[in-house]
Amino acid sequence: MTPSDPAVYDHVRPPAADADAAAALSPGVYRVVGVGDETVALLRVGDADGYRVNTGEVVRVDRDALGALDPADNPDGNRPLGEKVRRFAESVVWNLRAFVAGLLARPALAVVALALVVVGHQGHRVLTVPESWLTAVYFLGVLGVVFLGARG
C-alpha cells in the first residue's frame, strides 16, 4: 500500500517511534474502510498487541498522513487456540440458555411438543399403531420443540 493508492481492507498501525502519528490515532491496528480524494477512513480493528477488537471507532486521516503509518497484519483469525475454544464453549452455553428460555416462554406448548417426541420415540412399546404414525408424531414433536425453542 502506498499513500497515493490505499485500498479498502488494507491494514495499518501508527508507528511507535513517531509521536505525531501516534498522537492522532489510538494504538492499534486499523483497516481502511473508505477512500476519498483527500482523506482515508480507518476503522480500528485490533488492539496494540494486534488482537481483534470491536470498537466501532472510525477516524479520518489525510492521504499524506497515511504514509506515516506502518503496514500491519489483519488481526482476524490470530486468536490463540485456547481463546477460540473458550469462546466456542461460551457460545454453546448462551445458545442453550436462549433455547431453554424460548421453551420456558410457552411451557404448556413445550410440554406438548416434548410429549410428542417421547410418544413418537417410545410409543411402539405400549401402542399398537403403524410405525409410520409414530415417526410422524416424533418429527412433529421435534419440529415443535425446535420452533418453540427458537421463537419462544
N, C-alpha and C. Protein backbone atom coordinates (compact mmCIF):
# COMPACT_ATOMS: atom_id res chain seq x y z
N MET A 1 0.85 -1.18 0.00
CA MET A 1 0.00 0.00 0.00
C MET A 1 0.89 1.24 0.00
N THR A 2 0.52 2.17 -0.82
CA THR A 2 1.21 3.46 -0.84
C THR A 2 0.21 4.55 -0.51
N PRO A 3 0.66 5.69 -0.01
CA PRO A 3 -0.28 6.76 0.32
C PRO A 3 -1.10 7.23 -0.88
N SER A 4 -0.56 7.06 -2.08
CA SER A 4 -1.28 7.55 -3.25
C SER A 4 -2.40 6.60 -3.69
N ASP A 5 -2.31 5.34 -3.33
CA ASP A 5 -3.36 4.40 -3.76
C ASP A 5 -3.74 3.42 -2.65
N PRO A 6 -4.25 3.92 -1.53
CA PRO A 6 -4.71 2.99 -0.49
C PRO A 6 -5.95 2.24 -0.99
N ALA A 7 -6.10 1.02 -0.55
CA ALA A 7 -7.24 0.21 -0.95
C ALA A 7 -8.03 -0.21 0.28
N VAL A 8 -9.33 -0.33 0.09
CA VAL A 8 -10.18 -0.82 1.18
C VAL A 8 -9.68 -2.20 1.58
N TYR A 9 -9.63 -2.45 2.87
CA TYR A 9 -9.19 -3.69 3.51
C TYR A 9 -7.69 -3.74 3.75
N ASP A 10 -6.94 -2.71 3.36
CA ASP A 10 -5.53 -2.62 3.77
C ASP A 10 -5.51 -2.40 5.29
N HIS A 11 -4.44 -2.82 5.94
CA HIS A 11 -4.31 -2.65 7.39
C HIS A 11 -3.06 -1.85 7.70
N VAL A 12 -3.19 -0.92 8.65
CA VAL A 12 -2.08 -0.07 9.06
C VAL A 12 -2.09 0.07 10.57
N ARG A 13 -0.97 0.53 11.09
CA ARG A 13 -0.87 0.84 12.52
C ARG A 13 0.03 2.06 12.68
N PRO A 14 -0.24 2.88 13.71
CA PRO A 14 0.65 4.01 13.94
C PRO A 14 2.01 3.51 14.41
N PRO A 15 3.08 4.09 13.91
CA PRO A 15 4.41 3.65 14.35
C PRO A 15 4.67 4.07 15.79
N ALA A 16 5.32 3.21 16.52
CA ALA A 16 5.60 3.50 17.94
C ALA A 16 6.60 4.65 18.08
N ALA A 17 7.51 4.79 17.11
CA ALA A 17 8.56 5.80 17.23
C ALA A 17 8.08 7.20 16.85
N ASP A 18 7.05 7.30 16.02
CA ASP A 18 6.59 8.61 15.54
C ASP A 18 5.49 9.12 16.45
N ALA A 19 5.80 10.08 17.30
CA ALA A 19 4.84 10.61 18.28
C ALA A 19 3.70 11.36 17.60
N ASP A 20 3.96 12.03 16.46
CA ASP A 20 2.91 12.79 15.78
C ASP A 20 1.82 11.87 15.24
N ALA A 21 2.21 10.80 14.55
CA ALA A 21 1.22 9.87 14.00
C ALA A 21 0.52 9.12 15.12
N ALA A 22 1.28 8.79 16.17
CA ALA A 22 0.69 8.05 17.29
C ALA A 22 -0.29 8.92 18.07
N ALA A 23 -0.06 10.24 18.10
CA ALA A 23 -0.95 11.13 18.84
C ALA A 23 -2.31 11.23 18.16
N ALA A 24 -2.33 11.18 16.84
CA ALA A 24 -3.59 11.31 16.10
C ALA A 24 -4.44 10.05 16.22
N LEU A 25 -3.84 8.89 16.39
CA LEU A 25 -4.55 7.62 16.43
C LEU A 25 -4.26 6.89 17.73
N SER A 26 -5.27 6.22 18.26
CA SER A 26 -5.04 5.35 19.41
C SER A 26 -4.18 4.18 18.95
N PRO A 27 -3.39 3.61 19.85
CA PRO A 27 -2.58 2.45 19.46
C PRO A 27 -3.48 1.31 19.00
N GLY A 28 -3.08 0.63 17.95
CA GLY A 28 -3.85 -0.50 17.46
C GLY A 28 -3.68 -0.70 15.97
N VAL A 29 -4.49 -1.61 15.44
CA VAL A 29 -4.49 -1.92 14.02
C VAL A 29 -5.75 -1.32 13.42
N TYR A 30 -5.59 -0.66 12.28
CA TYR A 30 -6.70 0.00 11.60
C TYR A 30 -6.88 -0.61 10.21
N ARG A 31 -8.13 -0.78 9.81
CA ARG A 31 -8.46 -1.27 8.47
C ARG A 31 -8.98 -0.09 7.65
N VAL A 32 -8.52 0.02 6.43
CA VAL A 32 -9.03 1.05 5.52
C VAL A 32 -10.44 0.64 5.12
N VAL A 33 -11.42 1.51 5.42
CA VAL A 33 -12.82 1.21 5.10
C VAL A 33 -13.42 2.20 4.12
N GLY A 34 -12.69 3.22 3.79
CA GLY A 34 -13.18 4.20 2.83
C GLY A 34 -12.03 5.02 2.29
N VAL A 35 -12.09 5.29 1.00
CA VAL A 35 -11.02 6.06 0.36
C VAL A 35 -11.66 7.22 -0.38
N GLY A 36 -11.29 8.44 0.01
CA GLY A 36 -11.76 9.64 -0.67
C GLY A 36 -10.63 10.28 -1.45
N ASP A 37 -10.93 11.42 -2.05
CA ASP A 37 -9.91 12.12 -2.83
C ASP A 37 -8.77 12.64 -1.96
N GLU A 38 -9.12 13.13 -0.76
CA GLU A 38 -8.10 13.73 0.11
C GLU A 38 -7.93 13.01 1.44
N THR A 39 -8.94 12.22 1.84
CA THR A 39 -8.87 11.54 3.14
C THR A 39 -9.13 10.05 2.97
N VAL A 40 -8.77 9.32 4.02
CA VAL A 40 -8.99 7.88 4.09
C VAL A 40 -9.68 7.59 5.42
N ALA A 41 -10.73 6.77 5.39
CA ALA A 41 -11.43 6.38 6.62
C ALA A 41 -10.83 5.08 7.13
N LEU A 42 -10.52 5.07 8.42
CA LEU A 42 -9.91 3.90 9.06
C LEU A 42 -10.80 3.42 10.20
N LEU A 43 -10.98 2.13 10.31
CA LEU A 43 -11.73 1.50 11.40
C LEU A 43 -10.74 0.75 12.27
N ARG A 44 -10.77 1.03 13.58
CA ARG A 44 -9.85 0.32 14.48
C ARG A 44 -10.37 -1.10 14.68
N VAL A 45 -9.58 -2.09 14.27
CA VAL A 45 -9.99 -3.50 14.34
C VAL A 45 -9.06 -4.34 15.20
N GLY A 46 -7.99 -3.75 15.72
CA GLY A 46 -7.06 -4.50 16.55
C GLY A 46 -6.51 -3.65 17.67
N ASP A 47 -6.13 -4.30 18.76
CA ASP A 47 -5.52 -3.56 19.87
C ASP A 47 -4.04 -3.37 19.59
N ALA A 48 -3.34 -2.80 20.55
CA ALA A 48 -1.92 -2.51 20.37
C ALA A 48 -1.09 -3.78 20.18
N ASP A 49 -1.58 -4.92 20.69
CA ASP A 49 -0.87 -6.19 20.54
C ASP A 49 -1.24 -6.91 19.25
N GLY A 50 -2.19 -6.37 18.48
CA GLY A 50 -2.57 -6.99 17.22
C GLY A 50 -3.72 -7.97 17.32
N TYR A 51 -4.40 -8.03 18.48
CA TYR A 51 -5.54 -8.92 18.62
C TYR A 51 -6.82 -8.21 18.23
N ARG A 52 -7.76 -8.93 17.69
CA ARG A 52 -9.01 -8.39 17.16
C ARG A 52 -9.83 -7.74 18.27
N VAL A 53 -10.37 -6.55 17.98
CA VAL A 53 -11.28 -5.85 18.88
C VAL A 53 -12.43 -5.30 18.04
N ASN A 54 -13.57 -5.08 18.69
CA ASN A 54 -14.73 -4.50 18.03
C ASN A 54 -15.02 -3.17 18.71
N THR A 55 -14.44 -2.11 18.20
CA THR A 55 -14.58 -0.81 18.84
C THR A 55 -15.60 0.08 18.15
N GLY A 56 -15.75 -0.06 16.85
CA GLY A 56 -16.60 0.84 16.09
C GLY A 56 -15.97 2.20 15.90
N GLU A 57 -14.72 2.35 16.30
CA GLU A 57 -14.02 3.63 16.21
C GLU A 57 -13.55 3.87 14.78
N VAL A 58 -14.11 4.88 14.15
CA VAL A 58 -13.74 5.25 12.78
C VAL A 58 -13.08 6.62 12.82
N VAL A 59 -11.93 6.73 12.17
CA VAL A 59 -11.22 8.01 12.10
C VAL A 59 -10.91 8.31 10.64
N ARG A 60 -10.78 9.59 10.35
CA ARG A 60 -10.38 10.02 9.01
C ARG A 60 -9.00 10.64 9.10
N VAL A 61 -8.14 10.24 8.17
CA VAL A 61 -6.80 10.82 8.11
C VAL A 61 -6.55 11.30 6.68
N ASP A 62 -5.70 12.28 6.55
CA ASP A 62 -5.31 12.75 5.23
C ASP A 62 -4.47 11.68 4.55
N ARG A 63 -4.53 11.67 3.23
CA ARG A 63 -3.72 10.70 2.48
C ARG A 63 -2.24 10.89 2.77
N ASP A 64 -1.82 12.14 2.98
CA ASP A 64 -0.41 12.40 3.29
C ASP A 64 -0.03 11.77 4.63
N ALA A 65 -0.92 11.85 5.62
CA ALA A 65 -0.64 11.27 6.93
C ALA A 65 -0.63 9.75 6.88
N LEU A 66 -1.33 9.18 5.91
CA LEU A 66 -1.37 7.72 5.78
C LEU A 66 0.02 7.16 5.50
N GLY A 67 0.85 7.94 4.81
CA GLY A 67 2.21 7.50 4.51
C GLY A 67 3.07 7.32 5.74
N ALA A 68 2.70 7.99 6.85
CA ALA A 68 3.48 7.87 8.09
C ALA A 68 3.12 6.62 8.88
N LEU A 69 2.05 5.93 8.47
CA LEU A 69 1.62 4.72 9.19
C LEU A 69 2.31 3.50 8.63
N ASP A 70 2.53 2.51 9.49
CA ASP A 70 3.17 1.27 9.08
C ASP A 70 2.12 0.26 8.62
N PRO A 71 2.45 -0.57 7.62
CA PRO A 71 1.54 -1.67 7.25
C PRO A 71 1.41 -2.64 8.43
N ALA A 72 0.25 -3.28 8.53
CA ALA A 72 0.02 -4.21 9.65
C ALA A 72 -0.67 -5.46 9.12
N ASP A 73 -0.58 -6.52 9.90
CA ASP A 73 -1.27 -7.77 9.57
C ASP A 73 -2.74 -7.66 9.96
N ASN A 74 -3.58 -8.37 9.25
CA ASN A 74 -5.00 -8.43 9.56
C ASN A 74 -5.16 -9.16 10.90
N PRO A 75 -5.83 -8.55 11.89
CA PRO A 75 -5.96 -9.21 13.20
C PRO A 75 -7.02 -10.31 13.24
N ASP A 76 -7.80 -10.47 12.17
CA ASP A 76 -8.82 -11.53 12.16
C ASP A 76 -8.14 -12.89 12.12
N GLY A 77 -8.60 -13.78 12.97
CA GLY A 77 -8.11 -15.15 12.93
C GLY A 77 -6.81 -15.39 13.63
N ASN A 78 -6.28 -14.42 14.38
CA ASN A 78 -5.00 -14.65 15.04
C ASN A 78 -5.16 -14.93 16.53
N ARG A 79 -6.34 -15.38 16.93
CA ARG A 79 -6.55 -15.68 18.35
C ARG A 79 -5.90 -17.02 18.69
N PRO A 80 -5.39 -17.13 19.91
CA PRO A 80 -4.83 -18.42 20.34
C PRO A 80 -5.92 -19.48 20.40
N LEU A 81 -5.53 -20.74 20.24
CA LEU A 81 -6.48 -21.85 20.22
C LEU A 81 -7.30 -21.90 21.51
N GLY A 82 -6.69 -21.67 22.65
CA GLY A 82 -7.41 -21.70 23.92
C GLY A 82 -8.55 -20.69 23.97
N GLU A 83 -8.30 -19.49 23.43
CA GLU A 83 -9.33 -18.46 23.41
C GLU A 83 -10.46 -18.84 22.45
N LYS A 84 -10.10 -19.45 21.31
CA LYS A 84 -11.13 -19.89 20.35
C LYS A 84 -12.03 -20.95 20.98
N VAL A 85 -11.43 -21.90 21.70
CA VAL A 85 -12.21 -22.95 22.35
C VAL A 85 -13.10 -22.37 23.43
N ARG A 86 -12.56 -21.44 24.22
CA ARG A 86 -13.35 -20.81 25.28
C ARG A 86 -14.53 -20.05 24.71
N ARG A 87 -14.31 -19.29 23.65
CA ARG A 87 -15.40 -18.53 23.03
C ARG A 87 -16.44 -19.46 22.41
N PHE A 88 -16.00 -20.57 21.83
CA PHE A 88 -16.96 -21.53 21.28
C PHE A 88 -17.83 -22.12 22.39
N ALA A 89 -17.20 -22.49 23.51
CA ALA A 89 -17.95 -23.04 24.64
C ALA A 89 -18.94 -22.00 25.19
N GLU A 90 -18.51 -20.75 25.30
CA GLU A 90 -19.42 -19.70 25.75
C GLU A 90 -20.60 -19.55 24.80
N SER A 91 -20.33 -19.63 23.52
CA SER A 91 -21.40 -19.51 22.52
C SER A 91 -22.41 -20.64 22.66
N VAL A 92 -21.91 -21.86 22.87
CA VAL A 92 -22.81 -23.00 23.03
C VAL A 92 -23.67 -22.81 24.28
N VAL A 93 -23.08 -22.39 25.37
CA VAL A 93 -23.83 -22.18 26.62
C VAL A 93 -24.90 -21.12 26.42
N TRP A 94 -24.54 -19.99 25.80
CA TRP A 94 -25.53 -18.92 25.59
C TRP A 94 -26.64 -19.37 24.65
N ASN A 95 -26.32 -20.13 23.62
CA ASN A 95 -27.36 -20.63 22.72
C ASN A 95 -28.30 -21.59 23.44
N LEU A 96 -27.76 -22.45 24.29
CA LEU A 96 -28.62 -23.36 25.06
C LEU A 96 -29.51 -22.59 26.03
N ARG A 97 -28.95 -21.57 26.67
CA ARG A 97 -29.77 -20.76 27.59
C ARG A 97 -30.90 -20.08 26.84
N ALA A 98 -30.61 -19.56 25.66
CA ALA A 98 -31.65 -18.89 24.87
C ALA A 98 -32.70 -19.89 24.41
N PHE A 99 -32.28 -21.09 24.05
CA PHE A 99 -33.21 -22.13 23.60
C PHE A 99 -34.14 -22.54 24.74
N VAL A 100 -33.57 -22.78 25.92
CA VAL A 100 -34.39 -23.15 27.09
C VAL A 100 -35.32 -22.00 27.47
N ALA A 101 -34.85 -20.78 27.38
CA ALA A 101 -35.71 -19.63 27.68
C ALA A 101 -36.88 -19.57 26.70
N GLY A 102 -36.63 -19.92 25.44
CA GLY A 102 -37.71 -19.97 24.46
C GLY A 102 -38.74 -21.02 24.81
N LEU A 103 -38.28 -22.17 25.29
CA LEU A 103 -39.22 -23.22 25.71
C LEU A 103 -40.00 -22.79 26.94
N LEU A 104 -39.31 -22.13 27.88
CA LEU A 104 -39.98 -21.71 29.11
C LEU A 104 -40.96 -20.55 28.88
N ALA A 105 -40.83 -19.87 27.76
CA ALA A 105 -41.75 -18.77 27.47
C ALA A 105 -43.17 -19.30 27.21
N ARG A 106 -43.27 -20.52 26.72
CA ARG A 106 -44.57 -21.16 26.48
C ARG A 106 -44.50 -22.58 27.03
N PRO A 107 -44.60 -22.72 28.34
CA PRO A 107 -44.37 -24.03 28.95
C PRO A 107 -45.41 -25.08 28.55
N ALA A 108 -46.67 -24.72 28.40
CA ALA A 108 -47.69 -25.71 28.05
C ALA A 108 -47.42 -26.29 26.67
N LEU A 109 -47.12 -25.44 25.71
CA LEU A 109 -46.82 -25.93 24.36
C LEU A 109 -45.52 -26.73 24.34
N ALA A 110 -44.56 -26.32 25.15
CA ALA A 110 -43.30 -27.05 25.22
C ALA A 110 -43.52 -28.46 25.77
N VAL A 111 -44.37 -28.59 26.77
CA VAL A 111 -44.68 -29.92 27.33
C VAL A 111 -45.37 -30.78 26.28
N VAL A 112 -46.29 -30.20 25.53
CA VAL A 112 -46.97 -30.96 24.47
C VAL A 112 -45.97 -31.42 23.42
N ALA A 113 -45.10 -30.53 22.99
CA ALA A 113 -44.11 -30.89 21.98
C ALA A 113 -43.17 -31.98 22.49
N LEU A 114 -42.71 -31.85 23.74
CA LEU A 114 -41.84 -32.89 24.32
C LEU A 114 -42.58 -34.21 24.48
N ALA A 115 -43.85 -34.16 24.82
CA ALA A 115 -44.65 -35.38 24.93
C ALA A 115 -44.76 -36.07 23.57
N LEU A 116 -44.94 -35.30 22.51
CA LEU A 116 -44.98 -35.89 21.17
C LEU A 116 -43.66 -36.56 20.81
N VAL A 117 -42.55 -35.96 21.20
CA VAL A 117 -41.25 -36.57 20.96
C VAL A 117 -41.15 -37.91 21.69
N VAL A 118 -41.54 -37.93 22.95
CA VAL A 118 -41.46 -39.17 23.75
C VAL A 118 -42.39 -40.23 23.18
N VAL A 119 -43.63 -39.87 22.87
CA VAL A 119 -44.58 -40.85 22.32
C VAL A 119 -44.08 -41.37 20.98
N GLY A 120 -43.59 -40.48 20.13
CA GLY A 120 -43.08 -40.92 18.84
C GLY A 120 -41.87 -41.81 18.95
N HIS A 121 -41.05 -41.57 19.95
CA HIS A 121 -39.84 -42.38 20.11
C HIS A 121 -40.08 -43.68 20.85
N GLN A 122 -40.91 -43.65 21.88
CA GLN A 122 -41.11 -44.84 22.72
C GLN A 122 -42.50 -45.46 22.57
N GLY A 123 -43.35 -44.91 21.71
CA GLY A 123 -44.72 -45.38 21.59
C GLY A 123 -44.87 -46.81 21.14
N HIS A 124 -43.91 -47.35 20.40
CA HIS A 124 -44.00 -48.73 19.92
C HIS A 124 -44.04 -49.75 21.07
N ARG A 125 -43.61 -49.35 22.25
CA ARG A 125 -43.61 -50.25 23.41
C ARG A 125 -44.99 -50.46 24.00
N VAL A 126 -45.86 -49.46 23.87
CA VAL A 126 -47.19 -49.56 24.51
C VAL A 126 -48.34 -49.37 23.54
N LEU A 127 -48.12 -48.86 22.36
CA LEU A 127 -49.19 -48.59 21.41
C LEU A 127 -49.11 -49.55 20.23
N THR A 128 -50.26 -49.89 19.72
CA THR A 128 -50.31 -50.75 18.53
C THR A 128 -50.80 -49.91 17.35
N VAL A 129 -49.93 -49.07 16.90
CA VAL A 129 -50.21 -48.22 15.75
C VAL A 129 -49.09 -48.41 14.75
N PRO A 130 -49.35 -48.08 13.50
CA PRO A 130 -48.28 -48.23 12.50
C PRO A 130 -47.04 -47.41 12.86
N GLU A 131 -45.90 -47.95 12.52
CA GLU A 131 -44.62 -47.29 12.81
C GLU A 131 -44.53 -45.93 12.12
N SER A 132 -45.11 -45.81 10.96
CA SER A 132 -45.06 -44.53 10.24
C SER A 132 -45.79 -43.43 11.00
N TRP A 133 -46.83 -43.79 11.74
CA TRP A 133 -47.54 -42.80 12.54
C TRP A 133 -46.64 -42.29 13.66
N LEU A 134 -45.97 -43.23 14.31
CA LEU A 134 -45.07 -42.84 15.40
C LEU A 134 -43.92 -41.97 14.88
N THR A 135 -43.43 -42.30 13.70
CA THR A 135 -42.38 -41.48 13.10
C THR A 135 -42.89 -40.07 12.83
N ALA A 136 -44.10 -39.96 12.31
CA ALA A 136 -44.68 -38.64 12.05
C ALA A 136 -44.88 -37.86 13.35
N VAL A 137 -45.36 -38.55 14.40
CA VAL A 137 -45.56 -37.90 15.70
C VAL A 137 -44.22 -37.43 16.26
N TYR A 138 -43.20 -38.26 16.13
CA TYR A 138 -41.87 -37.91 16.62
C TYR A 138 -41.36 -36.65 15.92
N PHE A 139 -41.41 -36.62 14.58
CA PHE A 139 -40.91 -35.46 13.86
C PHE A 139 -41.76 -34.21 14.12
N LEU A 140 -43.04 -34.38 14.30
CA LEU A 140 -43.89 -33.25 14.65
C LEU A 140 -43.46 -32.68 16.01
N GLY A 141 -43.17 -33.56 16.96
CA GLY A 141 -42.71 -33.11 18.27
C GLY A 141 -41.36 -32.41 18.19
N VAL A 142 -40.44 -32.97 17.42
CA VAL A 142 -39.12 -32.35 17.26
C VAL A 142 -39.26 -30.97 16.63
N LEU A 143 -40.06 -30.87 15.58
CA LEU A 143 -40.27 -29.56 14.95
C LEU A 143 -40.92 -28.58 15.93
N GLY A 144 -41.83 -29.06 16.76
CA GLY A 144 -42.46 -28.20 17.77
C GLY A 144 -41.45 -27.69 18.78
N VAL A 145 -40.58 -28.59 19.26
CA VAL A 145 -39.56 -28.20 20.24
C VAL A 145 -38.61 -27.18 19.61
N VAL A 146 -38.17 -27.45 18.39
CA VAL A 146 -37.25 -26.53 17.73
C VAL A 146 -37.91 -25.16 17.51
N PHE A 147 -39.15 -25.16 17.04
CA PHE A 147 -39.84 -23.90 16.81
C PHE A 147 -40.01 -23.12 18.10
N LEU A 148 -40.46 -23.79 19.16
CA LEU A 148 -40.67 -23.09 20.43
C LEU A 148 -39.36 -22.61 21.03
N GLY A 149 -38.32 -23.42 20.93
CA GLY A 149 -37.03 -23.02 21.47
C GLY A 149 -36.42 -21.86 20.73
N ALA A 150 -36.63 -21.82 19.43
CA ALA A 150 -36.03 -20.76 18.62
C ALA A 150 -36.88 -19.48 18.65
N ARG A 151 -38.17 -19.63 18.76
CA ARG A 151 -39.07 -18.47 18.66
C ARG A 151 -39.63 -18.01 19.99
N GLY A 152 -39.74 -18.93 20.93
CA GLY A 152 -40.30 -18.59 22.24
C GLY A 152 -41.75 -18.43 22.13
